[in-house]
Amino acid sequence: MTSTNINFLEQSVSKFQSLNMDDRLTVLASLYTEIGDAVPAISLNNLPNENTANLVAQIQNLPQAEQLSALRELLNQDEAGERAIYTQEYASISTDDKLAFWYQLAQNLGTSIIGVPNDHILSEKATEVLDLLHTPNIEDLVTFFKRVL
């Protein structure tokens, strides 16, 4: 990885982590929707697998309002507090399984998983992150996902 890629990665991760949870979820949904077909080909070998399929099913079985809360919790693993079983399972899976989990969620957005509302307007900070992450290098994007998930 070159220093340019490292700077890109550090800047991208920092800006992403400064977003509120809803903007983070929207950025992830947008990125996975745009490049979803390329991610499994590069880094996911067993899509789907038992770990990720179980977690996706747990999220799908929740009412949509609770799905959103659950997804926020998964991205906010650093915050102390009571954890649901699925957040404990999520914390214990490998980075590649986390990539697969979010990929599977993205494939179901708007059907069995709550989608981003059509009238949702991205914040200026979230738009900056998406603009920064529009890179032709899918490997850099996968590295970004591994750092933030």
C-alpha atoms as a PDB file:
ATOM      1  CA  MET A   1       0.000   0.000   0.000  1.00  0.00           C
ATOM      2  CA  THR A   2       1.463   3.384  -0.939  1.00  0.00           C
ATOM      3  CA  SER A   3       1.508   6.434   1.304  1.00  0.00           C
ATOM      4  CA  THR A   4      -1.233   7.962  -0.840  1.00  0.00           C
ATOM      5  CA  ASN A   5      -3.451   4.977  -0.114  1.00  0.00           C
ATOM      6  CA  ILE A   6      -2.639   5.162   3.594  1.00  0.00           C
ATOM      7  CA  ASN A   7      -3.541   8.868   3.652  1.00  0.00           C
ATOM      8  CA  PHE A   8      -6.739   8.124   1.754  1.00  0.00           C
ATOM      9  CA  LEU A   9      -7.596   5.352   4.189  1.00  0.00           C
ATOM     10  CA  GLU A  10      -6.864   7.361   7.333  1.00  0.00           C
ATOM     11  CA  GLN A  11      -8.794  10.373   6.050  1.00  0.00           C
ATOM     12  CA  SER A  12     -11.746   8.238   4.937  1.00  0.00           C
ATOM     13  CA  VAL A  13     -11.965   6.319   8.214  1.00  0.00           C
ATOM     14  CA  SER A  14     -11.649   9.475  10.301  1.00  0.00           C
ATOM     15  CA  LYS A  15     -14.364  11.319   8.368  1.00  0.00           C
ATOM     16  CA  PHE A  16     -16.650   8.273   8.418  1.00  0.00           C
ATOM     17  CA  GLN A  17     -16.256   7.825  12.168  1.00  0.00           C
ATOM     18  CA  SER A  18     -17.123  11.484  12.741  1.00  0.00           C
ATOM     19  CA  LEU A  19     -20.560  10.931  11.159  1.00  0.00           C
ATOM     20  CA  ASN A  20     -23.659  10.229  13.218  1.00  0.00           C
ATOM     21  CA  MET A  21     -24.955   6.658  13.105  1.00  0.00           C
ATOM     22  CA  ASP A  22     -27.690   7.328  10.546  1.00  0.00           C
ATOM     23  CA  ASP A  23     -25.220   8.972   8.168  1.00  0.00           C
ATOM     24  CA  ARG A  24     -22.830   6.047   8.640  1.00  0.00           C
ATOM     25  CA  LEU A  25     -25.595   3.601   7.762  1.00  0.00           C
ATOM     26  CA  THR A  26     -26.566   5.662   4.718  1.00  0.00           C
ATOM     27  CA  VAL A  27     -22.957   5.849   3.520  1.00  0.00           C
ATOM     28  CA  LEU A  28     -22.551   2.082   3.922  1.00  0.00           C
ATOM     29  CA  ALA A  29     -25.828   1.434   2.103  1.00  0.00           C
ATOM     30  CA  SER A  30     -24.794   3.729  -0.752  1.00  0.00           C
ATOM     31  CA  LEU A  31     -21.332   2.211  -1.077  1.00  0.00           C
ATOM     32  CA  TYR A  32     -22.511  -1.386  -0.954  1.00  0.00           C
ATOM     33  CA  THR A  33     -25.243  -0.624  -3.469  1.00  0.00           C
ATOM     34  CA  GLU A  34     -22.752   0.965  -5.866  1.00  0.00           C
ATOM     35  CA  ILE A  35     -19.963  -1.603  -5.618  1.00  0.00           C
ATOM     36  CA  GLY A  36     -21.734  -4.621  -4.144  1.00  0.00           C
ATOM     37  CA  ASP A  37     -20.996  -6.862  -7.089  1.00  0.00           C
ATOM     38  CA  ALA A  38     -17.240  -6.281  -6.878  1.00  0.00           C
ATOM     39  CA  VAL A  39     -16.801  -6.781  -3.116  1.00  0.00           C
ATOM     40  CA  PRO A  40     -17.622 -10.511  -2.912  1.00  0.00           C
ATOM     41  CA  ALA A  41     -15.423 -11.291  -5.882  1.00  0.00           C
ATOM     42  CA  ILE A  42     -12.470  -9.724  -4.125  1.00  0.00           C
ATOM     43  CA  SER A  43     -12.787 -10.617  -0.476  1.00  0.00           C
ATOM     44  CA  LEU A  44     -15.666 -12.915   0.301  1.00  0.00           C
ATOM     45  CA  ASN A  45     -15.227 -16.603  -0.241  1.00  0.00           C
ATOM     46  CA  ASN A  46     -18.252 -18.211   1.372  1.00  0.00           C
ATOM     47  CA  LEU A  47     -21.166 -15.929   0.678  1.00  0.00           C
ATOM     48  CA  PRO A  48     -23.436 -16.510   2.497  1.00  0.00           C
ATOM     49  CA  ASN A  49     -22.134 -18.547   5.407  1.00  0.00           C
ATOM     50  CA  GLU A  50     -23.748 -19.748   8.608  1.00  0.00           C
ATOM     51  CA  ASN A  51     -22.442 -16.902  10.793  1.00  0.00           C
ATOM     52  CA  THR A  52     -23.588 -14.126   8.524  1.00  0.00           C
ATOM     53  CA  ALA A  53     -26.826 -15.812   7.479  1.00  0.00           C
ATOM     54  CA  ASN A  54     -27.817 -16.220  11.139  1.00  0.00           C
ATOM     55  CA  LEU A  55     -27.125 -12.564  11.912  1.00  0.00           C
ATOM     56  CA  VAL A  56     -28.967 -11.362   8.829  1.00  0.00           C
ATOM     57  CA  ALA A  57     -31.960 -13.544   9.774  1.00  0.00           C
ATOM     58  CA  GLN A  58     -31.974 -12.079  13.282  1.00  0.00           C
ATOM     59  CA  ILE A  59     -32.078  -8.544  11.866  1.00  0.00           C
ATOM     60  CA  GLN A  60     -34.711  -9.479   9.260  1.00  0.00           C
ATOM     61  CA  ASN A  61     -36.967 -10.911  11.966  1.00  0.00           C
ATOM     62  CA  LEU A  62     -37.099  -7.597  13.799  1.00  0.00           C
ATOM     63  CA  PRO A  63     -39.778  -4.976  13.039  1.00  0.00           C
ATOM     64  CA  GLN A  64     -38.342  -2.303  10.724  1.00  0.00           C
ATOM     65  CA  ALA A  65     -38.023   0.343  13.456  1.00  0.00           C
ATOM     66  CA  GLU A  66     -36.042  -2.130  15.557  1.00  0.00           C
ATOM     67  CA  GLN A  67     -33.915  -3.092  12.542  1.00  0.00           C
ATOM     68  CA  LEU A  68     -32.662   0.471  12.362  1.00  0.00           C
ATOM     69  CA  SER A  69     -31.816   0.485  16.079  1.00  0.00           C
ATOM     70  CA  ALA A  70     -30.058  -2.875  15.728  1.00  0.00           C
ATOM     71  CA  LEU A  71     -27.935  -1.657  12.814  1.00  0.00           C
ATOM     72  CA  ARG A  72     -26.989   1.463  14.776  1.00  0.00           C
ATOM     73  CA  GLU A  73     -25.871  -0.755  17.667  1.00  0.00           C
ATOM     74  CA  LEU A  74     -23.734  -2.881  15.375  1.00  0.00           C
ATOM     75  CA  LEU A  75     -21.861   0.176  14.141  1.00  0.00           C
ATOM     76  CA  ASN A  76     -21.520   1.533  17.669  1.00  0.00           C
ATOM     77  CA  GLN A  77     -19.721  -1.412  19.289  1.00  0.00           C
ATOM     78  CA  ASP A  78     -17.462   0.906  21.306  1.00  0.00           C
ATOM     79  CA  GLU A  79     -20.294   2.327  23.369  1.00  0.00           C
ATOM     80  CA  ALA A  80     -20.790   0.660  26.735  1.00  0.00           C
ATOM     81  CA  GLY A  81     -24.159  -0.701  27.696  1.00  0.00           C
ATOM     82  CA  GLU A  82     -26.360  -3.751  27.474  1.00  0.00           C
ATOM     83  CA  ARG A  83     -25.803  -5.776  24.318  1.00  0.00           C
ATOM     84  CA  ALA A  84     -28.287  -7.834  22.403  1.00  0.00           C
ATOM     85  CA  ILE A  85     -27.276 -11.351  21.396  1.00  0.00           C
ATOM     86  CA  TYR A  86     -26.765 -10.319  17.761  1.00  0.00           C
ATOM     87  CA  THR A  87     -24.306  -7.558  18.742  1.00  0.00           C
ATOM     88  CA  GLN A  88     -22.270 -10.072  20.731  1.00  0.00           C
ATOM     89  CA  GLU A  89     -22.292 -12.451  17.773  1.00  0.00           C
ATOM     90  CA  TYR A  90     -21.322  -9.629  15.431  1.00  0.00           C
ATOM     91  CA  ALA A  91     -18.404  -8.624  17.628  1.00  0.00           C
ATOM     92  CA  SER A  92     -17.094 -12.193  17.597  1.00  0.00           C
ATOM     93  CA  ILE A  93     -17.102 -12.800  13.824  1.00  0.00           C
ATOM     94  CA  SER A  94     -14.154 -12.241  11.514  1.00  0.00           C
ATOM     95  CA  THR A  95     -13.647  -9.101   9.485  1.00  0.00           C
ATOM     96  CA  ASP A  96     -14.439 -10.968   6.261  1.00  0.00           C
ATOM     97  CA  ASP A  97     -17.671 -12.245   7.816  1.00  0.00           C
ATOM     98  CA  LYS A  98     -18.557  -8.660   8.764  1.00  0.00           C
ATOM     99  CA  LEU A  99     -18.039  -7.648   5.136  1.00  0.00           C
ATOM    100  CA  ALA A 100     -20.285 -10.517   4.069  1.00  0.00           C
ATOM    101  CA  PHE A 101     -22.918  -9.588   6.673  1.00  0.00           C
ATOM    102  CA  TRP A 102     -23.177  -5.980   5.474  1.00  0.00           C
ATOM    103  CA  TYR A 103     -23.147  -7.155   1.867  1.00  0.00           C
ATOM    104  CA  GLN A 104     -26.104  -9.465   2.565  1.00  0.00           C
ATOM    105  CA  LEU A 105     -27.942  -6.663   4.336  1.00  0.00           C
ATOM    106  CA  ALA A 106     -27.366  -4.367   1.372  1.00  0.00           C
ATOM    107  CA  GLN A 107     -28.761  -7.013  -0.989  1.00  0.00           C
ATOM    108  CA  ASN A 108     -32.006  -6.953   1.028  1.00  0.00           C
ATOM    109  CA  LEU A 109     -32.388  -3.192   1.533  1.00  0.00           C
ATOM    110  CA  GLY A 110     -35.925  -2.067   0.940  1.00  0.00           C
ATOM    111  CA  THR A 111     -37.318  -5.608   1.032  1.00  0.00           C
ATOM    112  CA  SER A 112     -36.685  -7.624   4.187  1.00  0.00           C
ATOM    113  CA  ILE A 113     -34.311  -4.987   5.601  1.00  0.00           C
ATOM    114  CA  ILE A 114     -35.340  -1.385   6.155  1.00  0.00           C
ATOM    115  CA  GLY A 115     -34.102   0.730   3.276  1.00  0.00           C
ATOM    116  CA  VAL A 116     -32.946   4.302   3.040  1.00  0.00           C
ATOM    117  CA  PRO A 117     -36.063   6.434   2.530  1.00  0.00           C
ATOM    118  CA  ASN A 118     -36.363   7.831  -0.997  1.00  0.00           C
ATOM    119  CA  ASP A 119     -36.670  11.368   0.346  1.00  0.00           C
ATOM    120  CA  HIS A 120     -33.592  11.060   2.589  1.00  0.00           C
ATOM    121  CA  ILE A 121     -31.095  13.859   2.051  1.00  0.00           C
ATOM    122  CA  LEU A 122     -27.497  13.129   2.956  1.00  0.00           C
ATOM    123  CA  SER A 123     -25.778  15.552   5.273  1.00  0.00           C
ATOM    124  CA  GLU A 124     -22.940  17.598   3.843  1.00  0.00           C
ATOM    125  CA  LYS A 125     -20.414  15.573   5.888  1.00  0.00           C
ATOM    126  CA  ALA A 126     -21.836  12.267   4.605  1.00  0.00           C
ATOM    127  CA  THR A 127     -21.677  13.547   1.027  1.00  0.00           C
ATOM    128  CA  GLU A 128     -18.015  14.460   1.576  1.00  0.00           C
ATOM    129  CA  VAL A 129     -17.280  10.923   2.762  1.00  0.00           C
ATOM    130  CA  LEU A 130     -19.031   9.392  -0.248  1.00  0.00           C
ATOM    131  CA  ASP A 131     -17.174  11.723  -2.609  1.00  0.00           C
ATOM    132  CA  LEU A 132     -13.892  10.771  -0.975  1.00  0.00           C
ATOM    133  CA  LEU A 133     -14.694   7.064  -1.280  1.00  0.00           C
ATOM    134  CA  HIS A 134     -15.547   7.153  -4.978  1.00  0.00           C
ATOM    135  CA  THR A 135     -12.327   5.442  -5.898  1.00  0.00           C
ATOM    136  CA  PRO A 136     -11.719   3.144  -8.842  1.00  0.00           C
ATOM    137  CA  ASN A 137      -9.585   0.960  -6.570  1.00  0.00           C
ATOM    138  CA  ILE A 138     -11.944  -1.596  -5.045  1.00  0.00           C
ATOM    139  CA  GLU A 139      -9.157  -2.997  -2.833  1.00  0.00           C
ATOM    140  CA  ASP A 140      -8.870   0.409  -1.101  1.00  0.00           C
ATOM    141  CA  LEU A 141     -12.605   0.407  -0.548  1.00  0.00           C
ATOM    142  CA  VAL A 142     -12.542  -3.111   0.903  1.00  0.00           C
ATOM    143  CA  THR A 143      -9.727  -2.028   3.243  1.00  0.00           C
ATOM    144  CA  PHE A 144     -11.894   0.923   4.296  1.00  0.00           C
ATOM    145  CA  PHE A 145     -14.817  -1.421   5.043  1.00  0.00           C
ATOM    146  CA  LYS A 146     -12.565  -3.665   7.115  1.00  0.00           C
ATOM    147  CA  ARG A 147     -11.457  -0.695   9.215  1.00  0.00           C
ATOM    148  CA  VAL A 148     -14.920   0.715   9.916  1.00  0.00           C
ATOM    149  CA  LEU A 149     -17.014  -2.412  10.355  1.00  0.00           C
END
